[in-house]
Amino acid sequence: VHLVESGGDSVQDGGSLRLSCAASGGS
């Protein structure tokens, strides 16, 4: 299984982010 994260960033106190994890592979 291959996992790739994305969406990290630098934000200010009180801000919002959405992280993503893309999963692939035969298992």
mmCIF file of all heavy atoms, coordinates in Angstrom:
data_MODEL
# 
_entry.id   MODEL 
# 
loop_
_atom_site.group_PDB 
_atom_site.id 
_atom_site.type_symbol 
_atom_site.label_atom_id 
_atom_site.label_alt_id 
_atom_site.label_comp_id 
_atom_site.label_asym_id 
_atom_site.label_entity_id 
_atom_site.label_seq_id 
_atom_site.pdbx_PDB_ins_code 
_atom_site.Cartn_x 
_atom_site.Cartn_y 
_atom_site.Cartn_z 
_atom_site.occupancy 
_atom_site.B_iso_or_equiv 
_atom_site.pdbx_formal_charge 
_atom_site.auth_seq_id 
_atom_site.auth_comp_id 
_atom_site.auth_asym_id 
_atom_site.auth_atom_id 
_atom_site.pdbx_PDB_model_num 
ATOM 1   N N   . VAL A 1 1  ? 0.856   -1.173 0.000  1.00 0.00 ? 1  VAL A N   1 
ATOM 2   C CA  . VAL A 1 1  ? 0.000   0.000  0.000  1.00 0.00 ? 1  VAL A CA  1 
ATOM 3   C C   . VAL A 1 1  ? 0.897   1.229  0.000  1.00 0.00 ? 1  VAL A C   1 
ATOM 4   O O   . VAL A 1 1  ? 1.827   1.337  0.805  1.00 0.00 ? 1  VAL A O   1 
ATOM 5   C CB  . VAL A 1 1  ? -0.946  0.026  1.209  1.00 0.00 ? 1  VAL A CB  1 
ATOM 6   C CG1 . VAL A 1 1  ? -1.752  1.323  1.226  1.00 0.00 ? 1  VAL A CG1 1 
ATOM 7   C CG2 . VAL A 1 1  ? -1.887  -1.176 1.164  1.00 0.00 ? 1  VAL A CG2 1 
ATOM 8   N N   . HIS A 1 2  ? 0.607   2.137  -0.901 1.00 0.00 ? 2  HIS A N   1 
ATOM 9   C CA  . HIS A 1 2  ? 1.355   3.375  -1.024 1.00 0.00 ? 2  HIS A CA  1 
ATOM 10  C C   . HIS A 1 2  ? 0.471   4.520  -0.571 1.00 0.00 ? 2  HIS A C   1 
ATOM 11  O O   . HIS A 1 2  ? -0.664  4.650  -1.033 1.00 0.00 ? 2  HIS A O   1 
ATOM 12  C CB  . HIS A 1 2  ? 1.799   3.573  -2.472 1.00 0.00 ? 2  HIS A CB  1 
ATOM 13  C CG  . HIS A 1 2  ? 2.721   4.721  -2.674 1.00 0.00 ? 2  HIS A CG  1 
ATOM 14  N ND1 . HIS A 1 2  ? 2.694   5.496  -3.810 1.00 0.00 ? 2  HIS A ND1 1 
ATOM 15  C CD2 . HIS A 1 2  ? 3.714   5.216  -1.905 1.00 0.00 ? 2  HIS A CD2 1 
ATOM 16  C CE1 . HIS A 1 2  ? 3.615   6.429  -3.722 1.00 0.00 ? 2  HIS A CE1 1 
ATOM 17  N NE2 . HIS A 1 2  ? 4.251   6.278  -2.577 1.00 0.00 ? 2  HIS A NE2 1 
ATOM 18  N N   . LEU A 1 3  ? 0.989   5.334  0.337  1.00 0.00 ? 3  LEU A N   1 
ATOM 19  C CA  . LEU A 1 3  ? 0.247   6.456  0.893  1.00 0.00 ? 3  LEU A CA  1 
ATOM 20  C C   . LEU A 1 3  ? 1.011   7.739  0.623  1.00 0.00 ? 3  LEU A C   1 
ATOM 21  O O   . LEU A 1 3  ? 2.216   7.804  0.866  1.00 0.00 ? 3  LEU A O   1 
ATOM 22  C CB  . LEU A 1 3  ? 0.052   6.287  2.399  1.00 0.00 ? 3  LEU A CB  1 
ATOM 23  C CG  . LEU A 1 3  ? -0.596  4.986  2.873  1.00 0.00 ? 3  LEU A CG  1 
ATOM 24  C CD1 . LEU A 1 3  ? -0.574  4.909  4.394  1.00 0.00 ? 3  LEU A CD1 1 
ATOM 25  C CD2 . LEU A 1 3  ? -2.026  4.890  2.354  1.00 0.00 ? 3  LEU A CD2 1 
ATOM 26  N N   . VAL A 1 4  ? 0.315   8.748  0.135  1.00 0.00 ? 4  VAL A N   1 
ATOM 27  C CA  . VAL A 1 4  ? 0.923   10.042 -0.157 1.00 0.00 ? 4  VAL A CA  1 
ATOM 28  C C   . VAL A 1 4  ? 0.068   11.134 0.446  1.00 0.00 ? 4  VAL A C   1 
ATOM 29  O O   . VAL A 1 4  ? -1.086  11.315 0.058  1.00 0.00 ? 4  VAL A O   1 
ATOM 30  C CB  . VAL A 1 4  ? 1.081   10.263 -1.672 1.00 0.00 ? 4  VAL A CB  1 
ATOM 31  C CG1 . VAL A 1 4  ? 1.706   11.630 -1.939 1.00 0.00 ? 4  VAL A CG1 1 
ATOM 32  C CG2 . VAL A 1 4  ? 1.926   9.162  -2.290 1.00 0.00 ? 4  VAL A CG2 1 
ATOM 33  N N   . GLU A 1 5  ? 0.649   11.882 1.382  1.00 0.00 ? 5  GLU A N   1 
ATOM 34  C CA  . GLU A 1 5  ? -0.057  12.983 2.020  1.00 0.00 ? 5  GLU A CA  1 
ATOM 35  C C   . GLU A 1 5  ? 0.178   14.280 1.261  1.00 0.00 ? 5  GLU A C   1 
ATOM 36  O O   . GLU A 1 5  ? 1.213   14.466 0.620  1.00 0.00 ? 5  GLU A O   1 
ATOM 37  C CB  . GLU A 1 5  ? 0.404   13.175 3.473  1.00 0.00 ? 5  GLU A CB  1 
ATOM 38  C CG  . GLU A 1 5  ? 0.258   11.951 4.356  1.00 0.00 ? 5  GLU A CG  1 
ATOM 39  C CD  . GLU A 1 5  ? 1.546   11.165 4.475  1.00 0.00 ? 5  GLU A CD  1 
ATOM 40  O OE1 . GLU A 1 5  ? 2.369   11.214 3.535  1.00 0.00 ? 5  GLU A OE1 1 
ATOM 41  O OE2 . GLU A 1 5  ? 1.739   10.501 5.516  1.00 0.00 ? 5  GLU A OE2 1 
ATOM 42  N N   . SER A 1 6  ? -0.775  15.187 1.393  1.00 0.00 ? 6  SER A N   1 
ATOM 43  C CA  . SER A 1 6  ? -0.635  16.523 0.847  1.00 0.00 ? 6  SER A CA  1 
ATOM 44  C C   . SER A 1 6  ? -1.536  17.468 1.632  1.00 0.00 ? 6  SER A C   1 
ATOM 45  O O   . SER A 1 6  ? -2.376  17.030 2.416  1.00 0.00 ? 6  SER A O   1 
ATOM 46  C CB  . SER A 1 6  ? -0.984  16.562 -0.643 1.00 0.00 ? 6  SER A CB  1 
ATOM 47  O OG  . SER A 1 6  ? -2.332  16.187 -0.855 1.00 0.00 ? 6  SER A OG  1 
ATOM 48  N N   . GLY A 1 7  ? -1.363  18.750 1.421  1.00 0.00 ? 7  GLY A N   1 
ATOM 49  C CA  . GLY A 1 7  ? -2.230  19.748 2.019  1.00 0.00 ? 7  GLY A CA  1 
ATOM 50  C C   . GLY A 1 7  ? -1.631  20.520 3.175  1.00 0.00 ? 7  GLY A C   1 
ATOM 51  O O   . GLY A 1 7  ? -2.241  21.487 3.645  1.00 0.00 ? 7  GLY A O   1 
ATOM 52  N N   . GLY A 1 8  ? -0.460  20.116 3.661  1.00 0.00 ? 8  GLY A N   1 
ATOM 53  C CA  . GLY A 1 8  ? 0.170   20.848 4.745  1.00 0.00 ? 8  GLY A CA  1 
ATOM 54  C C   . GLY A 1 8  ? 0.581   22.244 4.305  1.00 0.00 ? 8  GLY A C   1 
ATOM 55  O O   . GLY A 1 8  ? 0.914   22.469 3.141  1.00 0.00 ? 8  GLY A O   1 
ATOM 56  N N   . ASP A 1 9  ? 0.568   23.165 5.256  1.00 0.00 ? 9  ASP A N   1 
ATOM 57  C CA  . ASP A 1 9  ? 0.882   24.552 4.933  1.00 0.00 ? 9  ASP A CA  1 
ATOM 58  C C   . ASP A 1 9  ? 1.212   25.290 6.216  1.00 0.00 ? 9  ASP A C   1 
ATOM 59  O O   . ASP A 1 9  ? 1.142   24.726 7.317  1.00 0.00 ? 9  ASP A O   1 
ATOM 60  C CB  . ASP A 1 9  ? -0.303  25.211 4.225  1.00 0.00 ? 9  ASP A CB  1 
ATOM 61  C CG  . ASP A 1 9  ? 0.089   26.373 3.337  1.00 0.00 ? 9  ASP A CG  1 
ATOM 62  O OD1 . ASP A 1 9  ? 1.252   26.822 3.401  1.00 0.00 ? 9  ASP A OD1 1 
ATOM 63  O OD2 . ASP A 1 9  ? -0.771  26.845 2.569  1.00 0.00 ? 9  ASP A OD2 1 
ATOM 64  N N   . SER A 1 10 ? 1.572   26.546 6.074  1.00 0.00 ? 10 SER A N   1 
ATOM 65  C CA  . SER A 1 10 ? 1.785   27.440 7.196  1.00 0.00 ? 10 SER A CA  1 
ATOM 66  C C   . SER A 1 10 ? 0.571   28.347 7.329  1.00 0.00 ? 10 SER A C   1 
ATOM 67  O O   . SER A 1 10 ? 0.200   29.025 6.364  1.00 0.00 ? 10 SER A O   1 
ATOM 68  C CB  . SER A 1 10 ? 3.057   28.264 6.983  1.00 0.00 ? 10 SER A CB  1 
ATOM 69  O OG  . SER A 1 10 ? 3.275   29.144 8.063  1.00 0.00 ? 10 SER A OG  1 
ATOM 70  N N   . VAL A 1 11 ? -0.058  28.335 8.500  1.00 0.00 ? 11 VAL A N   1 
ATOM 71  C CA  . VAL A 1 11 ? -1.267  29.110 8.732  1.00 0.00 ? 11 VAL A CA  1 
ATOM 72  C C   . VAL A 1 11 ? -1.167  29.839 10.056 1.00 0.00 ? 11 VAL A C   1 
ATOM 73  O O   . VAL A 1 11 ? -0.310  29.540 10.890 1.00 0.00 ? 11 VAL A O   1 
ATOM 74  C CB  . VAL A 1 11 ? -2.536  28.227 8.727  1.00 0.00 ? 11 VAL A CB  1 
ATOM 75  C CG1 . VAL A 1 11 ? -2.699  27.532 7.378  1.00 0.00 ? 11 VAL A CG1 1 
ATOM 76  C CG2 . VAL A 1 11 ? -2.476  27.200 9.846  1.00 0.00 ? 11 VAL A CG2 1 
ATOM 77  N N   . GLN A 1 12 ? -2.054  30.780 10.260 1.00 0.00 ? 12 GLN A N   1 
ATOM 78  C CA  . GLN A 1 12 ? -2.107  31.528 11.507 1.00 0.00 ? 12 GLN A CA  1 
ATOM 79  C C   . GLN A 1 12 ? -2.991  30.828 12.529 1.00 0.00 ? 12 GLN A C   1 
ATOM 80  O O   . GLN A 1 12 ? -3.856  30.010 12.191 1.00 0.00 ? 12 GLN A O   1 
ATOM 81  C CB  . GLN A 1 12 ? -2.616  32.947 11.256 1.00 0.00 ? 12 GLN A CB  1 
ATOM 82  C CG  . GLN A 1 12 ? -1.681  33.805 10.422 1.00 0.00 ? 12 GLN A CG  1 
ATOM 83  C CD  . GLN A 1 12 ? -2.183  35.218 10.243 1.00 0.00 ? 12 GLN A CD  1 
ATOM 84  O OE1 . GLN A 1 12 ? -3.365  35.506 10.444 1.00 0.00 ? 12 GLN A OE1 1 
ATOM 85  N NE2 . GLN A 1 12 ? -1.293  36.116 9.866  1.00 0.00 ? 12 GLN A NE2 1 
ATOM 86  N N   . ASP A 1 13 ? -2.752  31.158 13.779 1.00 0.00 ? 13 ASP A N   1 
ATOM 87  C CA  . ASP A 1 13 ? -3.574  30.665 14.883 1.00 0.00 ? 13 ASP A CA  1 
ATOM 88  C C   . ASP A 1 13 ? -5.052  30.873 14.553 1.00 0.00 ? 13 ASP A C   1 
ATOM 89  O O   . ASP A 1 13 ? -5.470  31.971 14.187 1.00 0.00 ? 13 ASP A O   1 
ATOM 90  C CB  . ASP A 1 13 ? -3.188  31.409 16.155 1.00 0.00 ? 13 ASP A CB  1 
ATOM 91  C CG  . ASP A 1 13 ? -3.782  30.806 17.408 1.00 0.00 ? 13 ASP A CG  1 
ATOM 92  O OD1 . ASP A 1 13 ? -4.609  29.879 17.315 1.00 0.00 ? 13 ASP A OD1 1 
ATOM 93  O OD2 . ASP A 1 13 ? -3.415  31.275 18.508 1.00 0.00 ? 13 ASP A OD2 1 
ATOM 94  N N   . GLY A 1 14 ? -5.845  29.808 14.684 1.00 0.00 ? 14 GLY A N   1 
ATOM 95  C CA  . GLY A 1 14 ? -7.261  29.872 14.393 1.00 0.00 ? 14 GLY A CA  1 
ATOM 96  C C   . GLY A 1 14 ? -7.631  29.505 12.977 1.00 0.00 ? 14 GLY A C   1 
ATOM 97  O O   . GLY A 1 14 ? -8.829  29.411 12.661 1.00 0.00 ? 14 GLY A O   1 
ATOM 98  N N   . GLY A 1 15 ? -6.652  29.275 12.123 1.00 0.00 ? 15 GLY A N   1 
ATOM 99  C CA  . GLY A 1 15 ? -6.909  28.942 10.742 1.00 0.00 ? 15 GLY A CA  1 
ATOM 100 C C   . GLY A 1 15 ? -7.316  27.496 10.546 1.00 0.00 ? 15 GLY A C   1 
ATOM 101 O O   . GLY A 1 15 ? -7.384  26.700 11.486 1.00 0.00 ? 15 GLY A O   1 
ATOM 102 N N   . SER A 1 16 ? -7.573  27.142 9.280  1.00 0.00 ? 16 SER A N   1 
ATOM 103 C CA  . SER A 1 16 ? -8.034  25.809 8.921  1.00 0.00 ? 16 SER A CA  1 
ATOM 104 C C   . SER A 1 16 ? -7.220  25.253 7.765  1.00 0.00 ? 16 SER A C   1 
ATOM 105 O O   . SER A 1 16 ? -6.718  25.994 6.922  1.00 0.00 ? 16 SER A O   1 
ATOM 106 C CB  . SER A 1 16 ? -9.511  25.831 8.513  1.00 0.00 ? 16 SER A CB  1 
ATOM 107 O OG  . SER A 1 16 ? -10.341 26.230 9.587  1.00 0.00 ? 16 SER A OG  1 
ATOM 108 N N   . LEU A 1 17 ? -7.109  23.934 7.728  1.00 0.00 ? 17 LEU A N   1 
ATOM 109 C CA  . LEU A 1 17 ? -6.481  23.216 6.634  1.00 0.00 ? 17 LEU A CA  1 
ATOM 110 C C   . LEU A 1 17 ? -7.203  21.898 6.430  1.00 0.00 ? 17 LEU A C   1 
ATOM 111 O O   . LEU A 1 17 ? -7.817  21.372 7.355  1.00 0.00 ? 17 LEU A O   1 
ATOM 112 C CB  . LEU A 1 17 ? -5.004  22.919 6.921  1.00 0.00 ? 17 LEU A CB  1 
ATOM 113 C CG  . LEU A 1 17 ? -3.997  24.060 6.873  1.00 0.00 ? 17 LEU A CG  1 
ATOM 114 C CD1 . LEU A 1 17 ? -2.650  23.567 7.395  1.00 0.00 ? 17 LEU A CD1 1 
ATOM 115 C CD2 . LEU A 1 17 ? -3.857  24.600 5.459  1.00 0.00 ? 17 LEU A CD2 1 
ATOM 116 N N   . ARG A 1 18 ? -7.111  21.357 5.223  1.00 0.00 ? 18 ARG A N   1 
ATOM 117 C CA  . ARG A 1 18 ? -7.545  20.000 4.960  1.00 0.00 ? 18 ARG A CA  1 
ATOM 118 C C   . ARG A 1 18 ? -6.382  19.206 4.393  1.00 0.00 ? 18 ARG A C   1 
ATOM 119 O O   . ARG A 1 18 ? -5.859  19.542 3.328  1.00 0.00 ? 18 ARG A O   1 
ATOM 120 C CB  . ARG A 1 18 ? -8.728  19.932 3.990  1.00 0.00 ? 18 ARG A CB  1 
ATOM 121 C CG  . ARG A 1 18 ? -9.308  18.510 3.880  1.00 0.00 ? 18 ARG A CG  1 
ATOM 122 C CD  . ARG A 1 18 ? -10.473 18.401 2.926  1.00 0.00 ? 18 ARG A CD  1 
ATOM 123 N NE  . ARG A 1 18 ? -10.047 18.434 1.533  1.00 0.00 ? 18 ARG A NE  1 
ATOM 124 C CZ  . ARG A 1 18 ? -10.795 18.023 0.508  1.00 0.00 ? 18 ARG A CZ  1 
ATOM 125 N NH1 . ARG A 1 18 ? -12.021 17.554 0.729  1.00 0.00 ? 18 ARG A NH1 1 
ATOM 126 N NH2 . ARG A 1 18 ? -10.331 18.108 -0.719 1.00 0.00 ? 18 ARG A NH2 1 
ATOM 127 N N   . LEU A 1 19 ? -5.986  18.168 5.111  1.00 0.00 ? 19 LEU A N   1 
ATOM 128 C CA  . LEU A 1 19 ? -4.955  17.269 4.644  1.00 0.00 ? 19 LEU A CA  1 
ATOM 129 C C   . LEU A 1 19 ? -5.582  16.125 3.861  1.00 0.00 ? 19 LEU A C   1 
ATOM 130 O O   . LEU A 1 19 ? -6.686  15.676 4.174  1.00 0.00 ? 19 LEU A O   1 
ATOM 131 C CB  . LEU A 1 19 ? -4.158  16.699 5.816  1.00 0.00 ? 19 LEU A CB  1 
ATOM 132 C CG  . LEU A 1 19 ? -3.553  17.707 6.797  1.00 0.00 ? 19 LEU A CG  1 
ATOM 133 C CD1 . LEU A 1 19 ? -2.724  16.976 7.838  1.00 0.00 ? 19 LEU A CD1 1 
ATOM 134 C CD2 . LEU A 1 19 ? -2.721  18.746 6.067  1.00 0.00 ? 19 LEU A CD2 1 
ATOM 135 N N   . SER A 1 20 ? -4.859  15.643 2.857  1.00 0.00 ? 20 SER A N   1 
ATOM 136 C CA  . SER A 1 20 ? -5.321  14.538 2.036  1.00 0.00 ? 20 SER A CA  1 
ATOM 137 C C   . SER A 1 20 ? -4.297  13.415 2.051  1.00 0.00 ? 20 SER A C   1 
ATOM 138 O O   . SER A 1 20 ? -3.092  13.662 2.084  1.00 0.00 ? 20 SER A O   1 
ATOM 139 C CB  . SER A 1 20 ? -5.546  14.988 0.590  1.00 0.00 ? 20 SER A CB  1 
ATOM 140 O OG  . SER A 1 20 ? -6.531  16.001 0.509  1.00 0.00 ? 20 SER A OG  1 
ATOM 141 N N   . CYS A 1 21 ? -4.783  12.184 2.012  1.00 0.00 ? 21 CYS A N   1 
ATOM 142 C CA  . CYS A 1 21 ? -3.948  10.999 1.924  1.00 0.00 ? 21 CYS A CA  1 
ATOM 143 C C   . CYS A 1 21 ? -4.469  10.150 0.780  1.00 0.00 ? 21 CYS A C   1 
ATOM 144 O O   . CYS A 1 21 ? -5.587  9.629  0.848  1.00 0.00 ? 21 CYS A O   1 
ATOM 145 C CB  . CYS A 1 21 ? -3.982  10.217 3.237  1.00 0.00 ? 21 CYS A CB  1 
ATOM 146 S SG  . CYS A 1 21 ? -3.147  8.614  3.178  1.00 0.00 ? 21 CYS A SG  1 
ATOM 147 N N   . ALA A 1 22 ? -3.676  10.019 -0.267 1.00 0.00 ? 22 ALA A N   1 
ATOM 148 C CA  . ALA A 1 22 ? -4.036  9.203  -1.418 1.00 0.00 ? 22 ALA A CA  1 
ATOM 149 C C   . ALA A 1 22 ? -3.473  7.806  -1.232 1.00 0.00 ? 22 ALA A C   1 
ATOM 150 O O   . ALA A 1 22 ? -2.265  7.634  -1.055 1.00 0.00 ? 22 ALA A O   1 
ATOM 151 C CB  . ALA A 1 22 ? -3.503  9.828  -2.699 1.00 0.00 ? 22 ALA A CB  1 
ATOM 152 N N   . ALA A 1 23 ? -4.345  6.788  -1.265 1.00 0.00 ? 23 ALA A N   1 
ATOM 153 C CA  . ALA A 1 23 ? -3.955  5.404  -1.049 1.00 0.00 ? 23 ALA A CA  1 
ATOM 154 C C   . ALA A 1 23 ? -4.018  4.627  -2.352 1.00 0.00 ? 23 ALA A C   1 
ATOM 155 O O   . ALA A 1 23 ? -4.968  4.773  -3.131 1.00 0.00 ? 23 ALA A O   1 
ATOM 156 C CB  . ALA A 1 23 ? -4.851  4.747  -0.006 1.00 0.00 ? 23 ALA A CB  1 
ATOM 157 N N   . SER A 1 24 ? -3.022  3.789  -2.590 1.00 0.00 ? 24 SER A N   1 
ATOM 158 C CA  . SER A 1 24 ? -2.994  2.955  -3.773 1.00 0.00 ? 24 SER A CA  1 
ATOM 159 C C   . SER A 1 24 ? -2.201  1.692  -3.476 1.00 0.00 ? 24 SER A C   1 
ATOM 160 O O   . SER A 1 24 ? -1.524  1.591  -2.455 1.00 0.00 ? 24 SER A O   1 
ATOM 161 C CB  . SER A 1 24 ? -2.385  3.709  -4.964 1.00 0.00 ? 24 SER A CB  1 
ATOM 162 O OG  . SER A 1 24 ? -1.046  4.075  -4.696 1.00 0.00 ? 24 SER A OG  1 
ATOM 163 N N   . GLY A 1 25 ? -2.269  0.720  -4.384 1.00 0.00 ? 25 GLY A N   1 
ATOM 164 C CA  . GLY A 1 25 ? -1.504  -0.502 -4.244 1.00 0.00 ? 25 GLY A CA  1 
ATOM 165 C C   . GLY A 1 25 ? -2.370  -1.743 -4.188 1.00 0.00 ? 25 GLY A C   1 
ATOM 166 O O   . GLY A 1 25 ? -3.552  -1.688 -3.842 1.00 0.00 ? 25 GLY A O   1 
ATOM 167 N N   . GLY A 1 26 ? -1.771  -2.884 -4.493 1.00 0.00 ? 26 GLY A N   1 
ATOM 168 C CA  . GLY A 1 26 ? -2.503  -4.133 -4.594 1.00 0.00 ? 26 GLY A CA  1 
ATOM 169 C C   . GLY A 1 26 ? -3.050  -4.666 -3.289 1.00 0.00 ? 26 GLY A C   1 
ATOM 170 O O   . GLY A 1 26 ? -3.982  -5.482 -3.307 1.00 0.00 ? 26 GLY A O   1 
ATOM 171 N N   . SER A 1 27 ? -2.509  -4.253 -2.157 1.00 0.00 ? 27 SER A N   1 
ATOM 172 C CA  . SER A 1 27 ? -2.947  -4.750 -0.860 1.00 0.00 ? 27 SER A CA  1 
ATOM 173 C C   . SER A 1 27 ? -3.932  -3.824 -0.169 1.00 0.00 ? 27 SER A C   1 
ATOM 174 O O   . SER A 1 27 ? -4.258  -4.035 0.999  1.00 0.00 ? 27 SER A O   1 
ATOM 175 C CB  . SER A 1 27 ? -1.744  -4.979 0.060  1.00 0.00 ? 27 SER A CB  1 
ATOM 176 O OG  . SER A 1 27 ? -0.879  -5.957 -0.476 1.00 0.00 ? 27 SER A OG  1 
# 
